[in-house]
Amino acid sequence: MEYKKLGKQNDIALVITDKAIIKDAQSALDVIASVQYETNCDKLIIYKSCIADEFFALSTGIAGEILQKFINYRKKVAIVGDYSKYTSKPLKDFIFESNKGNSIYFLPSIDEAVLKLDSSE
């Protein structure tokens, strides 16, 4: 796993890997700890491909467990990717509501993620 610092304050860590590194609450904690140790950033950008597919099936409860870790540890996260293939209304509603908040975002591009995280406090 590698990191690239982004943002106006250089306080956003882009997580770079070609593996699904977040599969459950424990692996989310591992990522949070690694990013904090390596970059000292409280804002993360993670590619959607780095998250297990089960996350996007809300009935599994995995999304809630994982995202709760980011909230508990006061980390803001933007998950970047194409969400157009998902047809589940509950998932679309979940993404819509998350994007209205101030901690968790589902966005189509790195540029949009940086803009959103830079403007969040």
PDB file of N, CA and C in Angstrom:
ATOM      1  N   MET A   1       0.848  -1.176   0.000  1.00  0.00           N
ATOM      2  CA  MET A   1       0.000   0.000   0.000  1.00  0.00           C
ATOM      3  C   MET A   1       0.890   1.234   0.000  1.00  0.00           C
ATOM      4  N   GLU A   2       0.557   2.153  -0.888  1.00  0.00           N
ATOM      5  CA  GLU A   2       1.279   3.413  -0.968  1.00  0.00           C
ATOM      6  C   GLU A   2       0.294   4.551  -0.735  1.00  0.00           C
ATOM      7  N   TYR A   3       0.837   5.739  -0.525  1.00  0.00           N
ATOM      8  CA  TYR A   3       0.004   6.904  -0.253  1.00  0.00           C
ATOM      9  C   TYR A   3       0.536   8.094  -1.024  1.00  0.00           C
ATOM     10  N   LYS A   4      -0.391   8.941  -1.420  1.00  0.00           N
ATOM     11  CA  LYS A   4      -0.025  10.211  -2.033  1.00  0.00           C
ATOM     12  C   LYS A   4      -0.811  11.276  -1.287  1.00  0.00           C
ATOM     13  N   LYS A   5      -0.108  12.287  -0.795  1.00  0.00           N
ATOM     14  CA  LYS A   5      -0.789  13.365  -0.080  1.00  0.00           C
ATOM     15  C   LYS A   5      -1.336  14.381  -1.080  1.00  0.00           C
ATOM     16  N   LEU A   6      -2.583  14.773  -0.840  1.00  0.00           N
ATOM     17  CA  LEU A   6      -3.275  15.711  -1.716  1.00  0.00           C
ATOM     18  C   LEU A   6      -3.938  16.791  -0.882  1.00  0.00           C
ATOM     19  N   GLY A   7      -4.534  17.756  -1.568  1.00  0.00           N
ATOM     20  CA  GLY A   7      -5.315  18.789  -0.906  1.00  0.00           C
ATOM     21  C   GLY A   7      -4.535  20.058  -0.645  1.00  0.00           C
ATOM     22  N   LYS A   8      -5.295  21.109  -0.343  1.00  0.00           N
ATOM     23  CA  LYS A   8      -4.696  22.421  -0.079  1.00  0.00           C
ATOM     24  C   LYS A   8      -3.724  22.382   1.097  1.00  0.00           C
ATOM     25  N   GLN A   9      -4.081  21.604   2.110  1.00  0.00           N
ATOM     26  CA  GLN A   9      -3.253  21.519   3.319  1.00  0.00           C
ATOM     27  C   GLN A   9      -2.360  20.279   3.323  1.00  0.00           C
ATOM     28  N   ASN A  10      -2.346  19.540   2.202  1.00  0.00           N
ATOM     29  CA  ASN A  10      -1.579  18.305   2.138  1.00  0.00           C
ATOM     30  C   ASN A  10      -2.023  17.331   3.231  1.00  0.00           C
ATOM     31  N   ASP A  11      -3.336  17.343   3.538  1.00  0.00           N
ATOM     32  CA  ASP A  11      -3.854  16.548   4.652  1.00  0.00           C
ATOM     33  C   ASP A  11      -4.817  15.450   4.215  1.00  0.00           C
ATOM     34  N   ILE A  12      -4.792  15.131   2.923  1.00  0.00           N
ATOM     35  CA  ILE A  12      -5.630  14.063   2.377  1.00  0.00           C
ATOM     36  C   ILE A  12      -4.707  12.971   1.845  1.00  0.00           C
ATOM     37  N   ALA A  13      -4.934  11.744   2.303  1.00  0.00           N
ATOM     38  CA  ALA A  13      -4.120  10.624   1.839  1.00  0.00           C
ATOM     39  C   ALA A  13      -4.894   9.824   0.796  1.00  0.00           C
ATOM     40  N   LEU A  14      -4.348   9.753  -0.404  1.00  0.00           N
ATOM     41  CA  LEU A  14      -4.882   8.870  -1.437  1.00  0.00           C
ATOM     42  C   LEU A  14      -4.228   7.514  -1.223  1.00  0.00           C
ATOM     43  N   VAL A  15      -5.035   6.501  -0.981  1.00  0.00           N
ATOM     44  CA  VAL A  15      -4.526   5.147  -0.756  1.00  0.00           C
ATOM     45  C   VAL A  15      -4.374   4.479  -2.114  1.00  0.00           C
ATOM     46  N   ILE A  16      -3.164   4.030  -2.399  1.00  0.00           N
ATOM     47  CA  ILE A  16      -2.869   3.436  -3.703  1.00  0.00           C
ATOM     48  C   ILE A  16      -2.518   1.964  -3.514  1.00  0.00           C
ATOM     49  N   THR A  17      -3.351   1.120  -4.074  1.00  0.00           N
ATOM     50  CA  THR A  17      -3.109  -0.321  -4.073  1.00  0.00           C
ATOM     51  C   THR A  17      -3.994  -0.957  -5.133  1.00  0.00           C
ATOM     52  N   ASP A  18      -3.623  -2.128  -5.588  1.00  0.00           N
ATOM     53  CA  ASP A  18      -4.445  -2.820  -6.583  1.00  0.00           C
ATOM     54  C   ASP A  18      -5.201  -3.986  -5.960  1.00  0.00           C
ATOM     55  N   LYS A  19      -5.272  -4.017  -4.631  1.00  0.00           N
ATOM     56  CA  LYS A  19      -5.952  -5.102  -3.927  1.00  0.00           C
ATOM     57  C   LYS A  19      -7.178  -4.580  -3.190  1.00  0.00           C
ATOM     58  N   ALA A  20      -8.109  -5.484  -2.913  1.00  0.00           N
ATOM     59  CA  ALA A  20      -9.238  -5.162  -2.033  1.00  0.00           C
ATOM     60  C   ALA A  20      -8.705  -5.247  -0.605  1.00  0.00           C
ATOM     61  N   ILE A  21      -8.448  -4.102  -0.001  1.00  0.00           N
ATOM     62  CA  ILE A  21      -7.816  -4.068   1.321  1.00  0.00           C
ATOM     63  C   ILE A  21      -8.810  -3.903   2.460  1.00  0.00           C
ATOM     64  N   ILE A  22     -10.036  -3.510   2.139  1.00  0.00           N
ATOM     65  CA  ILE A  22     -11.049  -3.349   3.178  1.00  0.00           C
ATOM     66  C   ILE A  22     -12.149  -4.378   2.930  1.00  0.00           C
ATOM     67  N   LYS A  23     -12.190  -5.361   3.823  1.00  0.00           N
ATOM     68  CA  LYS A  23     -13.145  -6.462   3.695  1.00  0.00           C
ATOM     69  C   LYS A  23     -14.098  -6.545   4.872  1.00  0.00           C
ATOM     70  N   ASP A  24     -13.683  -5.969   5.997  1.00  0.00           N
ATOM     71  CA  ASP A  24     -14.473  -6.030   7.222  1.00  0.00           C
ATOM     72  C   ASP A  24     -14.015  -4.910   8.151  1.00  0.00           C
ATOM     73  N   ALA A  25     -14.597  -4.863   9.342  1.00  0.00           N
ATOM     74  CA  ALA A  25     -14.277  -3.786  10.285  1.00  0.00           C
ATOM     75  C   ALA A  25     -12.798  -3.807  10.683  1.00  0.00           C
ATOM     76  N   GLN A  26     -12.229  -4.985  10.889  1.00  0.00           N
ATOM     77  CA  GLN A  26     -10.830  -5.067  11.300  1.00  0.00           C
ATOM     78  C   GLN A  26      -9.883  -4.559  10.204  1.00  0.00           C
ATOM     79  N   SER A  27     -10.150  -4.922   8.964  1.00  0.00           N
ATOM     80  CA  SER A  27      -9.280  -4.443   7.885  1.00  0.00           C
ATOM     81  C   SER A  27      -9.436  -2.931   7.696  1.00  0.00           C
ATOM     82  N   ALA A  28     -10.624  -2.390   7.968  1.00  0.00           N
ATOM     83  CA  ALA A  28     -10.811  -0.941   7.932  1.00  0.00           C
ATOM     84  C   ALA A  28      -9.957  -0.277   9.002  1.00  0.00           C
ATOM     85  N   LEU A  29      -9.953  -0.861  10.200  1.00  0.00           N
ATOM     86  CA  LEU A  29      -9.099  -0.332  11.277  1.00  0.00           C
ATOM     87  C   LEU A  29      -7.629  -0.385  10.897  1.00  0.00           C
ATOM     88  N   ASP A  30      -7.223  -1.463  10.246  1.00  0.00           N
ATOM     89  CA  ASP A  30      -5.827  -1.594   9.811  1.00  0.00           C
ATOM     90  C   ASP A  30      -5.456  -0.483   8.833  1.00  0.00           C
ATOM     91  N   VAL A  31      -6.347  -0.184   7.896  1.00  0.00           N
ATOM     92  CA  VAL A  31      -6.100   0.894   6.926  1.00  0.00           C
ATOM     93  C   VAL A  31      -6.041   2.238   7.640  1.00  0.00           C
ATOM     94  N   ILE A  32      -6.980   2.480   8.527  1.00  0.00           N
ATOM     95  CA  ILE A  32      -6.996   3.737   9.280  1.00  0.00           C
ATOM     96  C   ILE A  32      -5.686   3.925  10.038  1.00  0.00           C
ATOM     97  N   ALA A  33      -5.248   2.879  10.726  1.00  0.00           N
ATOM     98  CA  ALA A  33      -4.001   2.955  11.505  1.00  0.00           C
ATOM     99  C   ALA A  33      -2.788   3.161  10.603  1.00  0.00           C
ATOM    100  N   SER A  34      -2.742   2.452   9.499  1.00  0.00           N
ATOM    101  CA  SER A  34      -1.610   2.583   8.573  1.00  0.00           C
ATOM    102  C   SER A  34      -1.528   3.988   7.984  1.00  0.00           C
ATOM    103  N   VAL A  35      -2.667   4.510   7.554  1.00  0.00           N
ATOM    104  CA  VAL A  35      -2.690   5.850   6.977  1.00  0.00           C
ATOM    105  C   VAL A  35      -2.276   6.881   8.027  1.00  0.00           C
ATOM    106  N   GLN A  36      -2.802   6.744   9.234  1.00  0.00           N
ATOM    107  CA  GLN A  36      -2.448   7.684  10.304  1.00  0.00           C
ATOM    108  C   GLN A  36      -0.945   7.641  10.585  1.00  0.00           C
ATOM    109  N   TYR A  37      -0.399   6.451  10.695  1.00  0.00           N
ATOM    110  CA  TYR A  37       1.027   6.286  11.000  1.00  0.00           C
ATOM    111  C   TYR A  37       1.910   6.799   9.864  1.00  0.00           C
ATOM    112  N   GLU A  38       1.562   6.446   8.640  1.00  0.00           N
ATOM    113  CA  GLU A  38       2.408   6.774   7.484  1.00  0.00           C
ATOM    114  C   GLU A  38       2.273   8.225   7.016  1.00  0.00           C
ATOM    115  N   THR A  39       1.077   8.813   7.167  1.00  0.00           N
ATOM    116  CA  THR A  39       0.852  10.139   6.572  1.00  0.00           C
ATOM    117  C   THR A  39       0.393  11.203   7.562  1.00  0.00           C
ATOM    118  N   ASN A  40      -0.123  10.781   8.702  1.00  0.00           N
ATOM    119  CA  ASN A  40      -0.707  11.682   9.689  1.00  0.00           C
ATOM    120  C   ASN A  40      -1.910  12.446   9.129  1.00  0.00           C
ATOM    121  N   CYS A  41      -2.606  11.831   8.176  1.00  0.00           N
ATOM    122  CA  CYS A  41      -3.781  12.452   7.558  1.00  0.00           C
ATOM    123  C   CYS A  41      -5.066  11.918   8.182  1.00  0.00           C
ATOM    124  N   ASP A  42      -6.041  12.806   8.354  1.00  0.00           N
ATOM    125  CA  ASP A  42      -7.349  12.425   8.869  1.00  0.00           C
ATOM    126  C   ASP A  42      -8.396  12.308   7.778  1.00  0.00           C
ATOM    127  N   LYS A  43      -7.989  12.556   6.546  1.00  0.00           N
ATOM    128  CA  LYS A  43      -8.892  12.459   5.407  1.00  0.00           C
ATOM    129  C   LYS A  43      -8.284  11.459   4.430  1.00  0.00           C
ATOM    130  N   LEU A  44      -9.120  10.542   3.949  1.00  0.00           N
ATOM    131  CA  LEU A  44      -8.648   9.489   3.062  1.00  0.00           C
ATOM    132  C   LEU A  44      -9.466   9.449   1.782  1.00  0.00           C
ATOM    133  N   ILE A  45      -8.795   9.099   0.705  1.00  0.00           N
ATOM    134  CA  ILE A  45      -9.466   8.774  -0.548  1.00  0.00           C
ATOM    135  C   ILE A  45      -9.102   7.333  -0.855  1.00  0.00           C
ATOM    136  N   ILE A  46     -10.132   6.521  -1.042  1.00  0.00           N
ATOM    137  CA  ILE A  46      -9.937   5.103  -1.301  1.00  0.00           C
ATOM    138  C   ILE A  46     -10.704   4.755  -2.572  1.00  0.00           C
ATOM    139  N   TYR A  47     -10.054   4.037  -3.470  1.00  0.00           N
ATOM    140  CA  TYR A  47     -10.739   3.583  -4.678  1.00  0.00           C
ATOM    141  C   TYR A  47     -11.771   2.521  -4.312  1.00  0.00           C
ATOM    142  N   LYS A  48     -12.900   2.545  -4.982  1.00  0.00           N
ATOM    143  CA  LYS A  48     -13.972   1.576  -4.754  1.00  0.00           C
ATOM    144  C   LYS A  48     -13.452   0.150  -4.919  1.00  0.00           C
ATOM    145  N   SER A  49     -12.511  -0.052  -5.814  1.00  0.00           N
ATOM    146  CA  SER A  49     -11.957  -1.389  -6.059  1.00  0.00           C
ATOM    147  C   SER A  49     -11.162  -1.923  -4.867  1.00  0.00           C
ATOM    148  N   CYS A  50     -10.839  -1.060  -3.929  1.00  0.00           N
ATOM    149  CA  CYS A  50     -10.100  -1.475  -2.729  1.00  0.00           C
ATOM    150  C   CYS A  50     -11.030  -1.985  -1.633  1.00  0.00           C
ATOM    151  N   ILE A  51     -12.317  -1.978  -1.903  1.00  0.00           N
ATOM    152  CA  ILE A  51     -13.308  -2.394  -0.925  1.00  0.00           C
ATOM    153  C   ILE A  51     -14.031  -3.631  -1.451  1.00  0.00           C
ATOM    154  N   ALA A  52     -14.200  -4.610  -0.578  1.00  0.00           N
ATOM    155  CA  ALA A  52     -14.853  -5.864  -0.962  1.00  0.00           C
ATOM    156  C   ALA A  52     -16.253  -5.600  -1.522  1.00  0.00           C
ATOM    157  N   ASP A  53     -16.637  -6.383  -2.507  1.00  0.00           N
ATOM    158  CA  ASP A  53     -17.949  -6.232  -3.149  1.00  0.00           C
ATOM    159  C   ASP A  53     -19.101  -6.375  -2.165  1.00  0.00           C
ATOM    160  N   GLU A  54     -18.919  -7.176  -1.120  1.00  0.00           N
ATOM    161  CA  GLU A  54     -19.979  -7.393  -0.128  1.00  0.00           C
ATOM    162  C   GLU A  54     -20.392  -6.089   0.561  1.00  0.00           C
ATOM    163  N   PHE A  55     -19.479  -5.129   0.610  1.00  0.00           N
ATOM    164  CA  PHE A  55     -19.758  -3.816   1.190  1.00  0.00           C
ATOM    165  C   PHE A  55     -20.995  -3.195   0.537  1.00  0.00           C
ATOM    166  N   PHE A  56     -21.116  -3.376  -0.770  1.00  0.00           N
ATOM    167  CA  PHE A  56     -22.166  -2.719  -1.541  1.00  0.00           C
ATOM    168  C   PHE A  56     -23.498  -3.477  -1.533  1.00  0.00           C
ATOM    169  N   ALA A  57     -23.534  -4.621  -0.846  1.00  0.00           N
ATOM    170  CA  ALA A  57     -24.790  -5.324  -0.584  1.00  0.00           C
ATOM    171  C   ALA A  57     -25.168  -4.955   0.848  1.00  0.00           C
ATOM    172  N   LEU A  58     -25.992  -3.946   0.995  1.00  0.00           N
ATOM    173  CA  LEU A  58     -26.280  -3.393   2.322  1.00  0.00           C
ATOM    174  C   LEU A  58     -26.841  -4.424   3.295  1.00  0.00           C
ATOM    175  N   SER A  59     -27.486  -5.445   2.783  1.00  0.00           N
ATOM    176  CA  SER A  59     -28.075  -6.465   3.652  1.00  0.00           C
ATOM    177  C   SER A  59     -27.029  -7.236   4.456  1.00  0.00           C
ATOM    178  N   THR A  60     -25.773  -7.196   4.029  1.00  0.00           N
ATOM    179  CA  THR A  60     -24.720  -7.900   4.767  1.00  0.00           C
ATOM    180  C   THR A  60     -24.346  -7.172   6.055  1.00  0.00           C
ATOM    181  N   GLY A  61     -24.595  -5.864   6.112  1.00  0.00           N
ATOM    182  CA  GLY A  61     -24.236  -5.076   7.290  1.00  0.00           C
ATOM    183  C   GLY A  61     -22.779  -4.657   7.321  1.00  0.00           C
ATOM    184  N   ILE A  62     -22.006  -5.110   6.351  1.00  0.00           N
ATOM    185  CA  ILE A  62     -20.571  -4.813   6.332  1.00  0.00           C
ATOM    186  C   ILE A  62     -20.314  -3.322   6.145  1.00  0.00           C
ATOM    187  N   ALA A  63     -21.085  -2.673   5.293  1.00  0.00           N
ATOM    188  CA  ALA A  63     -20.881  -1.237   5.046  1.00  0.00           C
ATOM    189  C   ALA A  63     -21.015  -0.453   6.346  1.00  0.00           C
ATOM    190  N   GLY A  64     -22.045  -0.744   7.102  1.00  0.00           N
ATOM    191  CA  GLY A  64     -22.253  -0.044   8.369  1.00  0.00           C
ATOM    192  C   GLY A  64     -21.114  -0.263   9.349  1.00  0.00           C
ATOM    193  N   GLU A  65     -20.649  -1.508   9.454  1.00  0.00           N
ATOM    194  CA  GLU A  65     -19.546  -1.819  10.364  1.00  0.00           C
ATOM    195  C   GLU A  65     -18.268  -1.085   9.964  1.00  0.00           C
ATOM    196  N   ILE A  66     -17.984  -1.102   8.679  1.00  0.00           N
ATOM    197  CA  ILE A  66     -16.757  -0.463   8.181  1.00  0.00           C
ATOM    198  C   ILE A  66     -16.831   1.049   8.352  1.00  0.00           C
ATOM    199  N   LEU A  67     -17.910   1.652   7.908  1.00  0.00           N
ATOM    200  CA  LEU A  67     -18.019   3.110   7.956  1.00  0.00           C
ATOM    201  C   LEU A  67     -18.088   3.618   9.392  1.00  0.00           C
ATOM    202  N   GLN A  68     -18.622   2.814  10.292  1.00  0.00           N
ATOM    203  CA  GLN A  68     -18.654   3.206  11.700  1.00  0.00           C
ATOM    204  C   GLN A  68     -17.240   3.375  12.254  1.00  0.00           C
ATOM    205  N   LYS A  69     -16.302   2.572  11.776  1.00  0.00           N
ATOM    206  CA  LYS A  69     -14.905   2.697  12.225  1.00  0.00           C
ATOM    207  C   LYS A  69     -14.327   4.049  11.803  1.00  0.00           C
ATOM    208  N   PHE A  70     -14.613   4.470  10.585  1.00  0.00           N
ATOM    209  CA  PHE A  70     -14.117   5.768  10.128  1.00  0.00           C
ATOM    210  C   PHE A  70     -14.713   6.891  10.979  1.00  0.00           C
ATOM    211  N   ILE A  71     -15.988   6.773  11.294  1.00  0.00           N
ATOM    212  CA  ILE A  71     -16.641   7.797  12.111  1.00  0.00           C
ATOM    213  C   ILE A  71     -16.093   7.786  13.531  1.00  0.00           C
ATOM    214  N   ASN A  72     -15.962   6.589  14.114  1.00  0.00           N
ATOM    215  CA  ASN A  72     -15.440   6.479  15.492  1.00  0.00           C
ATOM    216  C   ASN A  72     -14.052   7.085  15.636  1.00  0.00           C
ATOM    217  N   TYR A  73     -13.217   6.909  14.619  1.00  0.00           N
ATOM    218  CA  TYR A  73     -11.846   7.417  14.675  1.00  0.00           C
ATOM    219  C   TYR A  73     -11.702   8.781  14.017  1.00  0.00           C
ATOM    220  N   ARG A  74     -12.825   9.412  13.724  1.00  0.00           N
ATOM    221  CA  ARG A  74     -12.885  10.770  13.181  1.00  0.00           C
ATOM    222  C   ARG A  74     -12.071  10.953  11.895  1.00  0.00           C
ATOM    223  N   LYS A  75     -12.251  10.009  11.014  1.00  0.00           N
ATOM    224  CA  LYS A  75     -11.613  10.061   9.701  1.00  0.00           C
ATOM    225  C   LYS A  75     -12.683  10.335   8.661  1.00  0.00           C
ATOM    226  N   LYS A  76     -12.404  11.254   7.786  1.00  0.00           N
ATOM    227  CA  LYS A  76     -13.298  11.513   6.661  1.00  0.00           C
ATOM    228  C   LYS A  76     -12.796  10.667   5.498  1.00  0.00           C
ATOM    229  N   VAL A  77     -13.721  10.085   4.759  1.00  0.00           N
ATOM    230  CA  VAL A  77     -13.316   9.201   3.670  1.00  0.00           C
ATOM    231  C   VAL A  77     -14.173   9.441   2.437  1.00  0.00           C
ATOM    232  N   ALA A  78     -13.495   9.481   1.308  1.00  0.00           N
ATOM    233  CA  ALA A  78     -14.167   9.526   0.009  1.00  0.00           C
ATOM    234  C   ALA A  78     -13.829   8.226  -0.706  1.00  0.00           C
ATOM    235  N   ILE A  79     -14.872   7.525  -1.115  1.00  0.00           N
ATOM    236  CA  ILE A  79     -14.704   6.279  -1.856  1.00  0.00           C
ATOM    237  C   ILE A  79     -14.995   6.610  -3.307  1.00  0.00           C
ATOM    238  N   VAL A  80     -13.981   6.450  -4.144  1.00  0.00           N
ATOM    239  CA  VAL A  80     -14.034   6.934  -5.521  1.00  0.00           C
ATOM    240  C   VAL A  80     -14.231   5.782  -6.495  1.00  0.00           C
ATOM    241  N   GLY A  81     -15.215   5.943  -7.359  1.00  0.00           N
ATOM    242  CA  GLY A  81     -15.445   4.936  -8.383  1.00  0.00           C
ATOM    243  C   GLY A  81     -16.743   5.179  -9.119  1.00  0.00           C
ATOM    244  N   ASP A  82     -17.078   4.228  -9.971  1.00  0.00           N
ATOM    245  CA  ASP A  82     -18.304   4.295 -10.769  1.00  0.00           C
ATOM    246  C   ASP A  82     -19.377   3.479 -10.059  1.00  0.00           C
ATOM    247  N   TYR A  83     -20.457   4.133  -9.680  1.00  0.00           N
ATOM    248  CA  TYR A  83     -21.541   3.474  -8.954  1.00  0.00           C
ATOM    249  C   TYR A  83     -22.752   3.223  -9.841  1.00  0.00           C
ATOM    250  N   SER A  84     -22.630   3.480 -11.125  1.00  0.00           N
ATOM    251  CA  SER A  84     -23.771   3.380 -12.032  1.00  0.00           C
ATOM    252  C   SER A  84     -24.262   1.945 -12.220  1.00  0.00           C
ATOM    253  N   LYS A  85     -23.428   0.956 -11.974  1.00  0.00           N
ATOM    254  CA  LYS A  85     -23.847  -0.432 -12.179  1.00  0.00           C
ATOM    255  C   LYS A  85     -24.781  -0.933 -11.078  1.00  0.00           C
ATOM    256  N   TYR A  86     -24.843  -0.215  -9.972  1.00  0.00           N
ATOM    257  CA  TYR A  86     -25.683  -0.654  -8.861  1.00  0.00           C
ATOM    258  C   TYR A  86     -27.117  -0.194  -9.086  1.00  0.00           C
ATOM    259  N   THR A  87     -28.037  -1.133  -8.986  1.00  0.00           N
ATOM    260  CA  THR A  87     -29.445  -0.833  -9.227  1.00  0.00           C
ATOM    261  C   THR A  87     -30.267  -0.826  -7.946  1.00  0.00           C
ATOM    262  N   SER A  88     -29.664  -1.215  -6.857  1.00  0.00           N
ATOM    263  CA  SER A  88     -30.375  -1.285  -5.576  1.00  0.00           C
ATOM    264  C   SER A  88     -30.792   0.111  -5.107  1.00  0.00           C
ATOM    265  N   LYS A  89     -32.102   0.303  -4.909  1.00  0.00           N
ATOM    266  CA  LYS A  89     -32.585   1.594  -4.413  1.00  0.00           C
ATOM    267  C   LYS A  89     -32.033   1.891  -3.020  1.00  0.00           C
ATOM    268  N   PRO A  90     -32.008   0.919  -2.096  1.00  0.00           N
ATOM    269  CA  PRO A  90     -31.432   1.213  -0.778  1.00  0.00           C
ATOM    270  C   PRO A  90     -29.967   1.674  -0.865  1.00  0.00           C
ATOM    271  N   LEU A  91     -29.177   1.061  -1.751  1.00  0.00           N
ATOM    272  CA  LEU A  91     -27.783   1.476  -1.897  1.00  0.00           C
ATOM    273  C   LEU A  91     -27.696   2.877  -2.484  1.00  0.00           C
ATOM    274  N   LYS A  92     -28.505   3.154  -3.500  1.00  0.00           N
ATOM    275  CA  LYS A  92     -28.500   4.496  -4.094  1.00  0.00           C
ATOM    276  C   LYS A  92     -28.901   5.543  -3.053  1.00  0.00           C
ATOM    277  N   ASP A  93     -29.897   5.221  -2.232  1.00  0.00           N
ATOM    278  CA  ASP A  93     -30.325   6.133  -1.171  1.00  0.00           C
ATOM    279  C   ASP A  93     -29.218   6.320  -0.134  1.00  0.00           C
ATOM    280  N   PHE A  94     -28.535   5.238   0.205  1.00  0.00           N
ATOM    281  CA  PHE A  94     -27.432   5.278   1.167  1.00  0.00           C
ATOM    282  C   PHE A  94     -26.319   6.194   0.658  1.00  0.00           C
ATOM    283  N   ILE A  95     -25.959   6.042  -0.602  1.00  0.00           N
ATOM    284  CA  ILE A  95     -24.920   6.876  -1.212  1.00  0.00           C
ATOM    285  C   ILE A  95     -25.369   8.337  -1.229  1.00  0.00           C
ATOM    286  N   PHE A  96     -26.610   8.584  -1.614  1.00  0.00           N
ATOM    287  CA  PHE A  96     -27.145   9.946  -1.666  1.00  0.00           C
ATOM    288  C   PHE A  96     -27.086  10.598  -0.277  1.00  0.00           C
ATOM    289  N   GLU A  97     -27.557   9.896   0.735  1.00  0.00           N
ATOM    290  CA  GLU A  97     -27.566  10.442   2.097  1.00  0.00           C
ATOM    291  C   GLU A  97     -26.147  10.638   2.633  1.00  0.00           C
ATOM    292  N   SER A  98     -25.247   9.701   2.348  1.00  0.00           N
ATOM    293  CA  SER A  98     -23.853   9.846   2.787  1.00  0.00           C
ATOM    294  C   SER A  98     -23.232  11.097   2.192  1.00  0.00           C
ATOM    295  N   ASN A  99     -23.484  11.335   0.923  1.00  0.00           N
ATOM    296  CA  ASN A  99     -22.907  12.495   0.243  1.00  0.00           C
ATOM    297  C   ASN A  99     -23.436  13.819   0.782  1.00  0.00           C
ATOM    298  N   LYS A 100     -24.596  13.794   1.428  1.00  0.00           N
ATOM    299  CA  LYS A 100     -25.144  15.013   2.031  1.00  0.00           C
ATOM    300  C   LYS A 100     -24.510  15.287   3.394  1.00  0.00           C
ATOM    301  N   GLY A 101     -23.859  14.298   3.973  1.00  0.00           N
ATOM    302  CA  GLY A 101     -23.249  14.453   5.294  1.00  0.00           C
ATOM    303  C   GLY A 101     -21.900  15.133   5.225  1.00  0.00           C
ATOM    304  N   ASN A 102     -21.095  14.937   6.264  1.00  0.00           N
ATOM    305  CA  ASN A 102     -19.781  15.593   6.284  1.00  0.00           C
ATOM    306  C   ASN A 102     -18.634  14.660   6.651  1.00  0.00           C
ATOM    307  N   SER A 103     -18.838  13.353   6.481  1.00  0.00           N
ATOM    308  CA  SER A 103     -17.769  12.424   6.838  1.00  0.00           C
ATOM    309  C   SER A 103     -17.464  11.380   5.768  1.00  0.00           C
ATOM    310  N   ILE A 104     -18.492  10.926   5.069  1.00  0.00           N
ATOM    311  CA  ILE A 104     -18.344   9.815   4.134  1.00  0.00           C
ATOM    312  C   ILE A 104     -18.949  10.220   2.795  1.00  0.00           C
ATOM    313  N   TYR A 105     -18.153  10.033   1.739  1.00  0.00           N
ATOM    314  CA  TYR A 105     -18.600  10.445   0.410  1.00  0.00           C
ATOM    315  C   TYR A 105     -18.339   9.332  -0.600  1.00  0.00           C
ATOM    316  N   PHE A 106     -19.225   9.200  -1.545  1.00  0.00           N
ATOM    317  CA  PHE A 106     -19.084   8.279  -2.663  1.00  0.00           C
ATOM    318  C   PHE A 106     -19.054   9.151  -3.912  1.00  0.00           C
ATOM    319  N   LEU A 107     -17.888   9.265  -4.522  1.00  0.00           N
ATOM    320  CA  LEU A 107     -17.711  10.223  -5.609  1.00  0.00           C
ATOM    321  C   LEU A 107     -17.093   9.556  -6.838  1.00  0.00           C
ATOM    322  N   PRO A 108     -17.296  10.153  -8.013  1.00  0.00           N
ATOM    323  CA  PRO A 108     -16.817   9.533  -9.245  1.00  0.00           C
ATOM    324  C   PRO A 108     -15.344   9.776  -9.572  1.00  0.00           C
ATOM    325  N   SER A 109     -14.715  10.784  -8.955  1.00  0.00           N
ATOM    326  CA  SER A 109     -13.330  11.084  -9.351  1.00  0.00           C
ATOM    327  C   SER A 109     -12.483  11.571  -8.171  1.00  0.00           C
ATOM    328  N   ILE A 110     -11.189  11.442  -8.346  1.00  0.00           N
ATOM    329  CA  ILE A 110     -10.236  11.927  -7.338  1.00  0.00           C
ATOM    330  C   ILE A 110     -10.381  13.436  -7.176  1.00  0.00           C
ATOM    331  N   ASP A 111     -10.511  14.151  -8.292  1.00  0.00           N
ATOM    332  CA  ASP A 111     -10.631  15.609  -8.223  1.00  0.00           C
ATOM    333  C   ASP A 111     -11.834  16.036  -7.385  1.00  0.00           C
ATOM    334  N   GLU A 112     -12.970  15.372  -7.605  1.00  0.00           N
ATOM    335  CA  GLU A 112     -14.162  15.704  -6.817  1.00  0.00           C
ATOM    336  C   GLU A 112     -13.970  15.348  -5.344  1.00  0.00           C
ATOM    337  N   ALA A 113     -13.279  14.248  -5.097  1.00  0.00           N
ATOM    338  CA  ALA A 113     -13.020  13.836  -3.714  1.00  0.00           C
ATOM    339  C   ALA A 113     -12.141  14.859  -3.001  1.00  0.00           C
ATOM    340  N   VAL A 114     -11.111  15.340  -3.669  1.00  0.00           N
ATOM    341  CA  VAL A 114     -10.231  16.341  -3.068  1.00  0.00           C
ATOM    342  C   VAL A 114     -11.017  17.616  -2.773  1.00  0.00           C
ATOM    343  N   LEU A 115     -11.829  18.072  -3.731  1.00  0.00           N
ATOM    344  CA  LEU A 115     -12.639  19.272  -3.517  1.00  0.00           C
ATOM    345  C   LEU A 115     -13.567  19.104  -2.312  1.00  0.00           C
ATOM    346  N   LYS A 116     -14.225  17.963  -2.231  1.00  0.00           N
ATOM    347  CA  LYS A 116     -15.176  17.710  -1.138  1.00  0.00           C
ATOM    348  C   LYS A 116     -14.446  17.633   0.196  1.00  0.00           C
ATOM    349  N   LEU A 117     -13.339  16.922   0.259  1.00  0.00           N
ATOM    350  CA  LEU A 117     -12.600  16.773   1.515  1.00  0.00           C
ATOM    351  C   LEU A 117     -11.914  18.072   1.915  1.00  0.00           C
ATOM    352  N   ASP A 118     -11.448  18.840   0.952  1.00  0.00           N
ATOM    353  CA  ASP A 118     -10.841  20.138   1.268  1.00  0.00           C
ATOM    354  C   ASP A 118     -11.863  21.078   1.877  1.00  0.00           C
ATOM    355  N   SER A 119     -13.120  20.958   1.447  1.00  0.00           N
ATOM    356  CA  SER A 119     -14.142  21.890   1.943  1.00  0.00           C
ATOM    357  C   SER A 119     -14.810  21.406   3.229  1.00  0.00           C
ATOM    358  N   SER A 120     -14.489  20.198   3.651  1.00  0.00           N
ATOM    359  CA  SER A 120     -15.109  19.672   4.886  1.00  0.00           C
ATOM    360  C   SER A 120     -14.208  19.945   6.079  1.00  0.00           C
ATOM    361  N   GLU A 121     -14.834  20.226   7.183  1.00  0.00           N
ATOM    362  CA  GLU A 121     -14.060  20.486   8.412  1.00  0.00           C
ATOM    363  C   GLU A 121     -14.363  19.475   9.465  1.00  0.00           C
TER     364      GLU A 121
END
